[in-house]
N, C-alpha and C. Protein backbone atom coordinates (compact mmCIF):
# COMPACT_ATOMS: atom_id res chain seq x y z
N MET A 1 -47.37 -17.37 -27.19
CA MET A 1 -47.41 -17.73 -28.54
C MET A 1 -46.51 -16.59 -29.74
N LYS A 2 -46.32 -16.93 -30.51
CA LYS A 2 -44.75 -16.24 -31.26
C LYS A 2 -45.47 -15.55 -32.83
N THR A 3 -45.06 -14.21 -32.34
CA THR A 3 -45.75 -13.66 -34.11
C THR A 3 -45.13 -13.49 -34.83
N CYS A 4 -44.93 -13.96 -35.94
CA CYS A 4 -44.16 -13.91 -37.32
C CYS A 4 -44.29 -12.76 -38.24
N PHE A 5 -43.09 -11.84 -38.66
CA PHE A 5 -43.20 -10.81 -39.56
C PHE A 5 -42.64 -11.17 -40.42
N TYR A 6 -43.25 -11.50 -41.75
CA TYR A 6 -42.23 -11.77 -43.32
C TYR A 6 -42.02 -10.63 -43.93
N PHE A 7 -41.10 -10.22 -44.18
CA PHE A 7 -40.68 -9.22 -44.94
C PHE A 7 -40.66 -9.61 -46.48
N CYS A 8 -40.66 -8.96 -47.26
CA CYS A 8 -40.77 -9.50 -49.07
C CYS A 8 -39.26 -9.41 -49.39
N SER A 9 -38.78 -8.33 -48.49
CA SER A 9 -36.88 -8.45 -48.92
C SER A 9 -36.27 -8.06 -48.03
N TYR A 10 -35.07 -8.61 -48.10
CA TYR A 10 -34.28 -7.48 -47.18
C TYR A 10 -34.46 -5.91 -47.09
N LYS A 11 -34.62 -5.29 -48.30
CA LYS A 11 -34.31 -3.81 -48.48
C LYS A 11 -35.49 -3.41 -47.63
N ILE A 12 -36.65 -3.89 -47.35
CA ILE A 12 -37.74 -3.64 -46.41
C ILE A 12 -37.20 -3.89 -44.89
N PHE A 13 -36.58 -4.87 -44.87
CA PHE A 13 -36.47 -5.81 -43.53
C PHE A 13 -35.27 -4.79 -42.61
N GLN A 14 -34.27 -4.39 -43.39
CA GLN A 14 -33.38 -3.44 -43.07
C GLN A 14 -33.15 -2.58 -42.04
N PRO A 15 -33.94 -1.30 -42.71
CA PRO A 15 -33.95 0.06 -42.17
C PRO A 15 -34.27 -0.12 -41.07
N LEU A 16 -35.35 -1.47 -40.75
CA LEU A 16 -35.70 -1.42 -39.16
C LEU A 16 -35.09 -1.55 -37.79
N ASN A 17 -33.64 -2.04 -38.51
CA ASN A 17 -32.58 -2.37 -37.18
C ASN A 17 -33.19 -2.94 -36.07
N ILE A 18 -33.87 -4.33 -36.56
CA ILE A 18 -34.43 -5.43 -35.48
C ILE A 18 -33.09 -6.24 -34.92
N ASP A 19 -33.12 -6.22 -33.49
CA ASP A 19 -31.43 -6.74 -33.09
C ASP A 19 -32.56 -8.31 -32.54
N GLY A 20 -31.47 -9.24 -32.36
CA GLY A 20 -31.95 -10.32 -31.73
C GLY A 20 -31.25 -11.43 -32.34
N LYS A 21 -31.59 -12.45 -31.76
CA LYS A 21 -30.81 -13.90 -32.19
C LYS A 21 -31.06 -14.19 -33.81
N PRO A 22 -29.84 -14.22 -34.74
CA PRO A 22 -30.27 -14.41 -36.17
C PRO A 22 -30.65 -15.82 -36.26
N LEU A 23 -31.52 -15.33 -37.49
CA LEU A 23 -31.76 -16.90 -38.05
C LEU A 23 -31.62 -17.49 -39.45
N ASN A 24 -31.56 -18.81 -39.58
CA ASN A 24 -30.77 -18.72 -41.13
C ASN A 24 -31.16 -20.24 -41.55
N PHE A 25 -32.13 -20.35 -42.24
CA PHE A 25 -33.10 -21.52 -42.75
C PHE A 25 -33.64 -21.62 -43.75
N TYR A 26 -33.54 -22.64 -44.62
CA TYR A 26 -34.56 -22.64 -45.67
C TYR A 26 -34.64 -21.44 -46.73
N ASN A 27 -33.30 -21.09 -47.27
CA ASN A 27 -33.01 -19.86 -47.93
C ASN A 27 -33.49 -18.90 -47.55
N HIS A 28 -33.72 -18.40 -46.40
CA HIS A 28 -34.12 -17.44 -45.86
C HIS A 28 -33.16 -16.72 -44.17
N LYS A 29 -33.33 -15.59 -44.12
CA LYS A 29 -32.69 -14.89 -42.62
C LYS A 29 -33.31 -14.67 -41.72
N GLY A 30 -33.13 -14.17 -40.89
CA GLY A 30 -33.92 -13.30 -39.99
C GLY A 30 -33.61 -12.80 -38.43
N ILE A 31 -34.65 -12.67 -37.71
CA ILE A 31 -34.00 -12.38 -36.56
C ILE A 31 -35.27 -12.92 -35.62
N LYS A 32 -34.96 -13.49 -34.39
CA LYS A 32 -35.80 -13.90 -33.37
C LYS A 32 -35.62 -13.11 -32.01
N LYS A 33 -36.62 -12.46 -31.51
CA LYS A 33 -36.40 -11.47 -30.56
C LYS A 33 -37.73 -11.41 -29.76
N GLU A 34 -37.45 -11.99 -28.33
CA GLU A 34 -38.50 -12.21 -27.50
C GLU A 34 -39.67 -13.28 -28.19
N ASN A 35 -40.48 -13.05 -28.39
CA ASN A 35 -42.08 -13.94 -28.83
C ASN A 35 -42.09 -13.42 -30.39
N SER A 36 -41.11 -12.58 -30.62
CA SER A 36 -41.49 -12.08 -32.41
C SER A 36 -40.12 -13.02 -33.37
N ILE A 37 -40.82 -13.48 -34.30
CA ILE A 37 -39.78 -13.86 -35.65
C ILE A 37 -39.95 -12.76 -36.75
N TYR A 38 -38.30 -12.20 -37.40
CA TYR A 38 -38.88 -11.19 -38.33
C TYR A 38 -38.08 -12.18 -39.42
N LEU A 39 -38.56 -12.45 -40.51
CA LEU A 39 -37.79 -13.24 -41.58
C LEU A 39 -38.05 -12.32 -42.83
N PHE A 40 -36.99 -12.64 -44.04
CA PHE A 40 -36.66 -12.13 -45.04
C PHE A 40 -36.46 -13.37 -45.71
N PRO A 41 -36.39 -13.39 -47.18
CA PRO A 41 -35.82 -14.00 -48.51
C PRO A 41 -34.39 -13.77 -48.63
N GLU A 42 -33.45 -14.90 -48.42
CA GLU A 42 -32.18 -14.58 -49.34
C GLU A 42 -32.12 -13.60 -50.50
N GLU A 43 -33.54 -14.12 -51.36
CA GLU A 43 -33.72 -13.29 -52.89
C GLU A 43 -34.65 -13.73 -53.33
N ASN A 44 -35.48 -12.93 -53.98
CA ASN A 44 -36.55 -12.94 -54.54
C ASN A 44 -36.76 -14.13 -55.80
N SER A 45 -36.86 -14.97 -55.19
CA SER A 45 -36.34 -16.46 -56.71
C SER A 45 -37.53 -17.50 -56.21
N PRO A 46 -37.59 -18.39 -56.94
CA PRO A 46 -38.33 -19.66 -57.01
C PRO A 46 -37.26 -20.33 -56.33
N LYS A 47 -36.12 -20.00 -56.32
CA LYS A 47 -35.36 -21.33 -55.18
C LYS A 47 -35.26 -20.83 -53.89
N THR A 48 -35.67 -19.56 -53.62
CA THR A 48 -36.09 -19.39 -52.06
C THR A 48 -37.44 -19.41 -52.02
N ILE A 49 -38.12 -18.90 -52.50
CA ILE A 49 -39.69 -18.66 -52.15
C ILE A 49 -40.73 -19.53 -52.95
N ASN A 50 -40.91 -20.83 -52.47
CA ASN A 50 -41.83 -21.85 -53.01
C ASN A 50 -42.38 -22.33 -52.12
N PRO A 51 -42.92 -23.46 -52.55
CA PRO A 51 -43.80 -24.24 -51.15
C PRO A 51 -43.07 -25.24 -50.43
N GLU A 52 -42.11 -25.58 -50.86
CA GLU A 52 -41.08 -26.50 -50.02
C GLU A 52 -40.37 -25.80 -48.92
N ASN A 53 -39.88 -24.79 -49.16
CA ASN A 53 -39.43 -23.88 -48.04
C ASN A 53 -40.23 -23.45 -47.63
N PHE A 54 -41.32 -22.93 -47.79
CA PHE A 54 -42.48 -22.15 -47.17
C PHE A 54 -43.38 -23.25 -46.14
N PHE A 55 -43.21 -24.26 -46.41
CA PHE A 55 -44.00 -25.54 -45.20
C PHE A 55 -42.95 -25.67 -44.62
N ASN A 56 -41.65 -26.14 -45.28
CA ASN A 56 -40.41 -26.07 -44.19
C ASN A 56 -40.59 -25.01 -42.91
N ILE A 57 -40.32 -24.07 -43.28
CA ILE A 57 -40.56 -22.82 -42.52
C ILE A 57 -41.84 -22.90 -41.71
N LYS A 58 -42.89 -23.12 -42.01
CA LYS A 58 -44.32 -23.48 -41.31
C LYS A 58 -44.12 -24.25 -39.94
N LYS A 59 -43.27 -25.68 -40.43
CA LYS A 59 -43.04 -26.56 -39.54
C LYS A 59 -41.97 -25.99 -38.31
N GLU A 60 -41.10 -25.50 -38.89
CA GLU A 60 -39.62 -25.26 -38.16
C GLU A 60 -40.19 -23.97 -36.84
N VAL A 61 -41.26 -23.24 -37.47
CA VAL A 61 -41.50 -22.36 -36.10
C VAL A 61 -42.46 -22.33 -36.07
N GLN A 62 -43.57 -23.85 -35.98
CA GLN A 62 -45.05 -23.73 -35.99
C GLN A 62 -45.60 -22.61 -36.46
N LEU A 63 -45.93 -22.00 -37.47
CA LEU A 63 -46.58 -21.14 -38.29
C LEU A 63 -48.11 -21.58 -38.19
N THR A 64 -48.91 -20.61 -37.84
CA THR A 64 -50.37 -20.59 -38.38
C THR A 64 -50.71 -19.77 -39.12
N ASP A 65 -50.43 -18.79 -38.59
CA ASP A 65 -50.56 -16.99 -39.18
C ASP A 65 -49.15 -16.33 -39.12
N LEU A 66 -49.40 -15.05 -40.16
CA LEU A 66 -48.31 -14.29 -40.12
C LEU A 66 -48.29 -13.17 -40.63
N VAL A 67 -47.65 -12.15 -40.40
CA VAL A 67 -47.78 -10.50 -41.14
C VAL A 67 -46.96 -10.72 -42.26
N VAL A 68 -47.27 -10.64 -43.28
CA VAL A 68 -46.34 -10.43 -44.78
C VAL A 68 -46.24 -8.75 -44.94
N ILE A 69 -45.26 -8.32 -44.96
CA ILE A 69 -44.67 -6.98 -45.22
C ILE A 69 -44.23 -6.65 -46.29
N ASP A 70 -44.70 -5.38 -46.74
CA ASP A 70 -44.01 -5.19 -48.66
C ASP A 70 -43.86 -3.93 -48.69
N ARG A 71 -43.03 -3.01 -49.25
CA ARG A 71 -43.10 -1.87 -49.31
C ARG A 71 -44.14 -1.09 -50.42
N ILE A 72 -44.50 -0.31 -49.94
CA ILE A 72 -45.28 0.56 -50.66
C ILE A 72 -44.83 1.95 -51.33
N TYR A 73 -45.87 2.02 -52.27
CA TYR A 73 -45.34 3.60 -53.14
C TYR A 73 -46.59 4.40 -52.76
N SER A 74 -46.65 5.51 -51.57
CA SER A 74 -47.88 5.87 -51.03
C SER A 74 -47.32 7.03 -49.77
N LYS A 75 -48.50 7.84 -49.95
CA LYS A 75 -47.79 9.00 -48.70
C LYS A 75 -48.37 8.70 -47.52
N ALA A 76 -49.49 7.34 -47.41
CA ALA A 76 -49.43 6.58 -46.09
C ALA A 76 -48.20 6.08 -45.10
N ASP A 77 -48.02 5.54 -44.21
CA ASP A 77 -47.28 5.18 -43.93
C ASP A 77 -47.26 3.33 -43.66
N LEU A 78 -48.36 3.45 -43.21
CA LEU A 78 -48.76 2.03 -42.92
C LEU A 78 -50.22 1.33 -43.91
N ILE A 79 -50.42 0.61 -44.56
CA ILE A 79 -51.90 0.44 -44.52
C ILE A 79 -52.28 -1.12 -44.52
N ASN A 80 -53.26 -1.73 -44.33
CA ASN A 80 -53.94 -2.70 -44.70
C ASN A 80 -53.99 -3.44 -45.90
N VAL A 81 -54.10 -4.67 -46.28
CA VAL A 81 -53.94 -5.51 -47.47
C VAL A 81 -54.76 -6.07 -47.29
N ASP A 82 -55.88 -6.05 -48.52
CA ASP A 82 -57.10 -6.61 -48.35
C ASP A 82 -57.09 -7.44 -49.80
N ASP A 83 -56.34 -6.97 -50.83
CA ASP A 83 -56.24 -7.74 -52.33
C ASP A 83 -54.96 -7.53 -53.01
N HIS A 84 -54.68 -8.06 -53.93
CA HIS A 84 -53.47 -7.75 -54.93
C HIS A 84 -53.47 -8.25 -56.37
N ILE A 85 -53.19 -7.47 -57.18
CA ILE A 85 -52.74 -7.42 -58.43
C ILE A 85 -51.27 -8.03 -58.17
N ASN A 86 -50.97 -9.07 -59.35
CA ASN A 86 -49.45 -9.65 -59.49
C ASN A 86 -48.88 -9.08 -60.78
N ARG A 87 -48.22 -7.89 -60.91
CA ARG A 87 -47.89 -7.47 -62.30
C ARG A 87 -46.01 -7.40 -62.22
N THR A 88 -45.67 -8.39 -61.29
CA THR A 88 -44.04 -9.13 -60.79
C THR A 88 -43.46 -9.64 -62.49
N GLY A 89 -44.43 -10.48 -63.00
CA GLY A 89 -44.04 -11.53 -64.01
C GLY A 89 -43.79 -12.70 -63.34
N LEU A 90 -44.08 -12.95 -62.08
CA LEU A 90 -43.57 -13.80 -61.92
C LEU A 90 -45.21 -14.68 -60.49
N SER A 91 -44.74 -15.98 -60.90
CA SER A 91 -45.44 -16.79 -59.91
C SER A 91 -45.02 -17.87 -59.15
N TYR A 92 -44.54 -17.97 -57.96
CA TYR A 92 -43.80 -18.84 -57.09
C TYR A 92 -44.49 -20.17 -56.96
N LEU A 93 -45.70 -20.22 -57.36
CA LEU A 93 -46.41 -21.63 -57.34
C LEU A 93 -46.38 -22.16 -58.85
N ARG A 94 -45.98 -22.01 -59.95
CA ARG A 94 -45.95 -22.10 -61.31
C ARG A 94 -44.85 -23.51 -61.53
N GLY A 95 -45.28 -24.35 -61.46
CA GLY A 95 -44.23 -25.46 -61.75
C GLY A 95 -44.23 -26.06 -60.37
N LYS A 96 -44.51 -25.71 -59.40
CA LYS A 96 -44.35 -26.39 -57.92
C LYS A 96 -45.06 -27.07 -57.81
N THR A 97 -46.58 -26.82 -58.28
CA THR A 97 -47.61 -27.31 -57.51
C THR A 97 -47.94 -28.89 -58.43
N PRO A 98 -48.57 -29.67 -57.95
CA PRO A 98 -49.00 -30.03 -56.22
C PRO A 98 -47.80 -30.14 -55.59
N TYR A 99 -48.01 -30.07 -54.39
CA TYR A 99 -47.13 -29.98 -53.53
C TYR A 99 -47.54 -31.07 -52.52
N LYS A 100 -47.34 -32.13 -51.98
CA LYS A 100 -47.93 -33.01 -51.29
C LYS A 100 -48.84 -33.54 -51.57
N ASN A 101 -49.99 -33.24 -50.53
CA ASN A 101 -51.39 -33.21 -50.82
C ASN A 101 -51.87 -32.02 -51.06
N LEU A 102 -51.38 -30.94 -51.34
CA LEU A 102 -51.92 -29.63 -51.62
C LEU A 102 -52.46 -29.89 -53.13
N PRO A 103 -53.66 -28.80 -53.68
CA PRO A 103 -54.25 -29.18 -54.75
C PRO A 103 -52.99 -28.62 -56.05
N THR A 104 -53.37 -28.48 -57.18
CA THR A 104 -52.67 -27.85 -58.40
C THR A 104 -52.77 -26.74 -58.51
N PHE A 105 -54.34 -26.14 -58.41
CA PHE A 105 -54.58 -25.22 -58.56
C PHE A 105 -55.48 -24.35 -57.65
N PRO A 106 -54.68 -23.97 -56.58
CA PRO A 106 -55.16 -23.63 -55.58
C PRO A 106 -55.74 -22.05 -55.46
N ASP A 107 -57.16 -22.25 -54.67
CA ASP A 107 -58.08 -20.77 -54.75
C ASP A 107 -57.64 -19.83 -53.95
N ILE A 108 -56.79 -18.67 -54.63
CA ILE A 108 -56.12 -17.40 -54.02
C ILE A 108 -57.34 -16.53 -53.84
N SER A 109 -58.70 -16.77 -54.10
CA SER A 109 -59.20 -15.51 -54.14
C SER A 109 -59.39 -14.84 -52.78
N ASN A 110 -59.07 -15.27 -51.55
CA ASN A 110 -59.59 -14.27 -50.51
C ASN A 110 -58.15 -14.74 -49.21
N ILE A 111 -56.96 -14.45 -49.65
CA ILE A 111 -55.98 -14.84 -48.84
C ILE A 111 -55.81 -14.02 -47.57
N TYR A 112 -56.21 -12.79 -47.64
CA TYR A 112 -55.53 -11.99 -46.76
C TYR A 112 -56.64 -11.80 -45.61
N ASN A 113 -56.36 -11.78 -44.62
CA ASN A 113 -57.37 -11.88 -43.17
C ASN A 113 -58.27 -10.34 -43.47
N LYS A 114 -57.38 -9.24 -43.29
CA LYS A 114 -58.09 -8.12 -42.81
C LYS A 114 -59.15 -7.61 -44.17
N LYS A 115 -60.12 -7.20 -44.16
CA LYS A 115 -60.70 -6.54 -44.85
C LYS A 115 -60.94 -5.00 -44.78
N ASN A 116 -61.45 -4.18 -45.53
CA ASN A 116 -61.39 -2.72 -45.82
C ASN A 116 -60.11 -1.96 -45.85
N GLY A 117 -59.43 -3.07 -46.55
CA GLY A 117 -57.78 -2.47 -46.73
C GLY A 117 -57.92 -1.69 -48.20
N LYS A 118 -56.55 -1.92 -48.94
CA LYS A 118 -56.47 -1.41 -49.72
C LYS A 118 -55.69 -2.66 -50.84
N THR A 119 -55.87 -2.38 -52.18
CA THR A 119 -55.81 -3.41 -53.41
C THR A 119 -53.87 -2.68 -53.45
N LEU A 120 -53.10 -3.64 -53.44
CA LEU A 120 -51.99 -3.50 -53.89
C LEU A 120 -51.45 -4.18 -55.45
N MET A 121 -50.65 -3.32 -56.17
CA MET A 121 -50.30 -3.83 -57.45
C MET A 121 -48.99 -3.94 -57.08
N SER A 122 -48.36 -5.29 -57.05
CA SER A 122 -46.82 -5.61 -57.19
C SER A 122 -45.93 -5.86 -58.39
N ILE A 123 -44.72 -4.69 -58.79
CA ILE A 123 -44.38 -4.83 -59.52
C ILE A 123 -42.86 -5.28 -59.55
N GLY A 124 -42.19 -5.78 -58.59
CA GLY A 124 -41.20 -6.46 -58.11
C GLY A 124 -40.21 -5.67 -57.92
N ASP A 125 -38.99 -5.52 -59.03
CA ASP A 125 -37.50 -4.25 -58.72
C ASP A 125 -38.10 -3.28 -60.18
N LYS A 126 -39.28 -3.34 -60.75
CA LYS A 126 -39.26 -2.80 -61.57
C LYS A 126 -39.50 -1.18 -61.56
N ASN A 127 -39.11 -0.48 -62.15
CA ASN A 127 -39.31 0.94 -62.17
C ASN A 127 -40.65 1.67 -62.26
N SER A 128 -41.30 1.87 -60.88
CA SER A 128 -42.64 2.51 -60.91
C SER A 128 -43.41 3.77 -61.60
N PHE A 129 -42.39 4.36 -62.06
CA PHE A 129 -42.90 5.68 -62.50
C PHE A 129 -43.42 5.71 -64.04
N ASN A 130 -43.43 4.61 -64.69
CA ASN A 130 -44.42 4.48 -65.53
C ASN A 130 -45.53 3.52 -65.62
N ILE A 131 -46.12 3.53 -64.36
CA ILE A 131 -46.95 2.26 -64.11
C ILE A 131 -48.32 3.13 -64.13
N ASN A 132 -49.03 2.95 -64.93
CA ASN A 132 -50.66 3.64 -64.34
C ASN A 132 -51.35 2.52 -63.67
N LEU A 133 -52.27 3.44 -62.80
CA LEU A 133 -52.67 2.86 -61.31
C LEU A 133 -54.40 2.93 -61.62
N GLU A 134 -54.84 1.82 -61.13
CA GLU A 134 -56.34 1.99 -61.34
C GLU A 134 -56.79 2.79 -60.36
N LYS A 135 -57.98 3.42 -60.09
CA LYS A 135 -58.35 4.10 -58.29
C LYS A 135 -58.18 3.19 -57.46
N ASN A 136 -57.53 3.55 -56.42
CA ASN A 136 -57.66 3.06 -55.24
C ASN A 136 -56.53 2.09 -55.21
N VAL A 137 -55.72 1.35 -56.12
CA VAL A 137 -55.12 0.71 -56.15
C VAL A 137 -53.08 1.64 -56.03
N ILE A 138 -52.64 0.90 -55.06
CA ILE A 138 -51.42 1.43 -54.59
C ILE A 138 -49.96 0.18 -55.16
N LEU A 139 -48.87 0.58 -55.47
CA LEU A 139 -48.05 0.14 -56.06
C LEU A 139 -47.39 -0.51 -55.01
N SER A 140 -46.42 -1.89 -54.86
CA SER A 140 -46.12 -2.23 -53.83
C SER A 140 -44.75 -3.21 -54.81
N SER A 141 -44.17 -3.83 -53.82
CA SER A 141 -42.94 -4.26 -54.71
C SER A 141 -43.19 -6.25 -55.02
N TRP A 142 -43.40 -7.16 -53.60
CA TRP A 142 -43.40 -8.19 -53.95
C TRP A 142 -44.75 -9.06 -53.03
N ILE A 143 -45.64 -8.76 -52.56
CA ILE A 143 -46.69 -9.20 -51.88
C ILE A 143 -47.45 -9.99 -52.69
N ALA A 144 -48.04 -9.65 -53.59
CA ALA A 144 -48.84 -10.35 -55.04
C ALA A 144 -48.31 -11.55 -55.15
N ALA A 145 -46.77 -11.67 -55.36
CA ALA A 145 -46.05 -12.80 -55.70
C ALA A 145 -45.56 -14.16 -54.44
N ILE A 146 -45.80 -13.35 -53.52
CA ILE A 146 -45.21 -13.92 -52.01
C ILE A 146 -46.68 -14.74 -51.18
N SER A 147 -47.77 -13.55 -51.31
CA SER A 147 -48.72 -14.17 -50.21
C SER A 147 -49.06 -15.63 -50.65
N PRO A 148 -49.77 -15.74 -51.86
CA PRO A 148 -50.09 -16.83 -52.61
C PRO A 148 -49.60 -17.99 -51.50
N VAL A 149 -47.97 -18.53 -52.01
CA VAL A 149 -47.35 -19.24 -51.50
C VAL A 149 -47.63 -19.36 -50.26
N TRP A 150 -47.78 -18.49 -49.63
CA TRP A 150 -48.04 -18.93 -47.74
C TRP A 150 -49.47 -19.38 -47.64
N HIS A 151 -50.37 -18.42 -48.50
CA HIS A 151 -51.71 -19.58 -47.92
C HIS A 151 -52.03 -20.82 -48.71
N TYR A 152 -51.04 -21.05 -49.39
CA TYR A 152 -51.22 -22.82 -50.46
C TYR A 152 -50.43 -23.41 -49.70
N VAL A 153 -50.08 -23.37 -48.79
CA VAL A 153 -49.23 -24.08 -47.37
C VAL A 153 -49.80 -23.99 -46.39
N GLY A 154 -50.50 -23.05 -46.24
CA GLY A 154 -52.10 -23.21 -44.53
C GLY A 154 -51.74 -22.30 -43.74
N VAL A 155 -51.17 -21.22 -44.26
CA VAL A 155 -50.77 -20.23 -43.32
C VAL A 155 -51.50 -18.74 -43.75
N LYS A 156 -52.44 -18.59 -42.39
CA LYS A 156 -53.01 -17.37 -42.66
C LYS A 156 -52.35 -16.39 -42.75
N VAL A 157 -52.70 -15.11 -43.83
CA VAL A 157 -51.85 -13.97 -43.97
C VAL A 157 -52.47 -12.98 -43.72
N THR A 158 -52.04 -12.13 -43.09
CA THR A 158 -52.33 -10.97 -42.78
C THR A 158 -50.98 -9.45 -43.69
N GLY A 159 -51.79 -9.13 -44.74
CA GLY A 159 -50.96 -8.00 -45.39
C GLY A 159 -50.82 -6.69 -45.12
N LEU A 160 -49.55 -6.81 -44.79
CA LEU A 160 -49.07 -5.29 -44.23
C LEU A 160 -48.46 -3.99 -45.12
N GLY A 161 -48.65 -3.07 -46.05
CA GLY A 161 -48.09 -2.07 -46.63
C GLY A 161 -47.30 -1.20 -46.00
N ILE A 162 -45.67 -1.28 -45.90
CA ILE A 162 -45.51 0.06 -45.28
C ILE A 162 -44.48 1.54 -46.49
N SER A 163 -44.35 2.39 -45.79
CA SER A 163 -43.86 2.80 -46.49
C SER A 163 -42.32 2.88 -46.62
N LYS A 164 -41.35 4.07 -47.42
CA LYS A 164 -39.92 3.56 -46.91
C LYS A 164 -39.48 4.84 -45.86
N ASN A 165 -40.57 5.49 -45.42
CA ASN A 165 -40.34 6.29 -44.34
C ASN A 165 -40.70 5.77 -43.09
N LEU A 166 -41.46 4.44 -42.71
CA LEU A 166 -41.45 4.10 -41.60
C LEU A 166 -40.03 3.38 -41.01
N LYS A 167 -39.45 3.83 -39.78
CA LYS A 167 -38.51 3.45 -39.47
C LYS A 167 -38.14 2.41 -38.31
N HIS A 168 -39.36 2.09 -37.61
CA HIS A 168 -39.76 1.50 -36.57
C HIS A 168 -40.28 0.35 -36.28
N VAL A 169 -40.06 -0.88 -35.76
CA VAL A 169 -40.76 -1.67 -36.14
C VAL A 169 -42.05 -1.78 -35.17
N LYS A 170 -41.88 -0.65 -33.84
CA LYS A 170 -42.73 -0.54 -33.00
C LYS A 170 -43.91 0.03 -33.42
N ARG A 171 -44.10 0.75 -34.48
CA ARG A 171 -45.15 1.15 -35.51
C ARG A 171 -45.35 0.46 -36.28
N ILE A 172 -45.13 -0.89 -36.40
CA ILE A 172 -45.85 -1.72 -37.04
C ILE A 172 -47.02 -2.79 -36.01
N THR A 173 -46.08 -2.78 -34.97
CA THR A 173 -46.76 -3.74 -33.90
C THR A 173 -47.93 -3.15 -33.44
N GLU A 174 -47.97 -1.98 -32.94
CA GLU A 174 -49.02 -0.63 -32.70
C GLU A 174 -50.10 -0.49 -34.06
N PHE A 175 -49.97 -0.56 -35.05
CA PHE A 175 -50.72 -0.40 -35.87
C PHE A 175 -51.55 -1.87 -36.08
N LEU A 176 -50.83 -2.78 -35.38
CA LEU A 176 -51.65 -4.24 -36.16
C LEU A 176 -52.87 -4.66 -34.44
N LYS A 177 -52.58 -3.98 -33.82
CA LYS A 177 -53.51 -4.28 -32.70
C LYS A 177 -54.84 -3.39 -32.59
């Protein structure tokens, strides 16, 4: 069984220095190494992140579940995600549903597999200095805009937040066990 890791941007993927067979399809790039696939979007835009591309990726790599990894602005290096708040200003489902036989308005209330995690507030590439947070909410980049699209196409999502200090993919795989 393959494990698939989806990094919300190249900026998150790049510092981990993962080597292997390069992948390039459906406006995404990545690496295949042993029994794992590491993917990231070429850009955070509706051209790249949409139900059609995600459905095609799902079919191509035979996905049933994946780990969506986003940058967090926190003292913790790794956290599980159990909810999100989207303040990116984007919804990658807007104008793209219904897709195939899927609903126009999907239920996104229980996207993440893990419970007892943290709530992330995604802000995209905005400056994080002037954002007021609710208690127990951690800033992130893109997970709130991306995870609903994976959920929409029928992929089970485990959300993971990583800090900029994390430099080794082995820490991620150990954390998930």
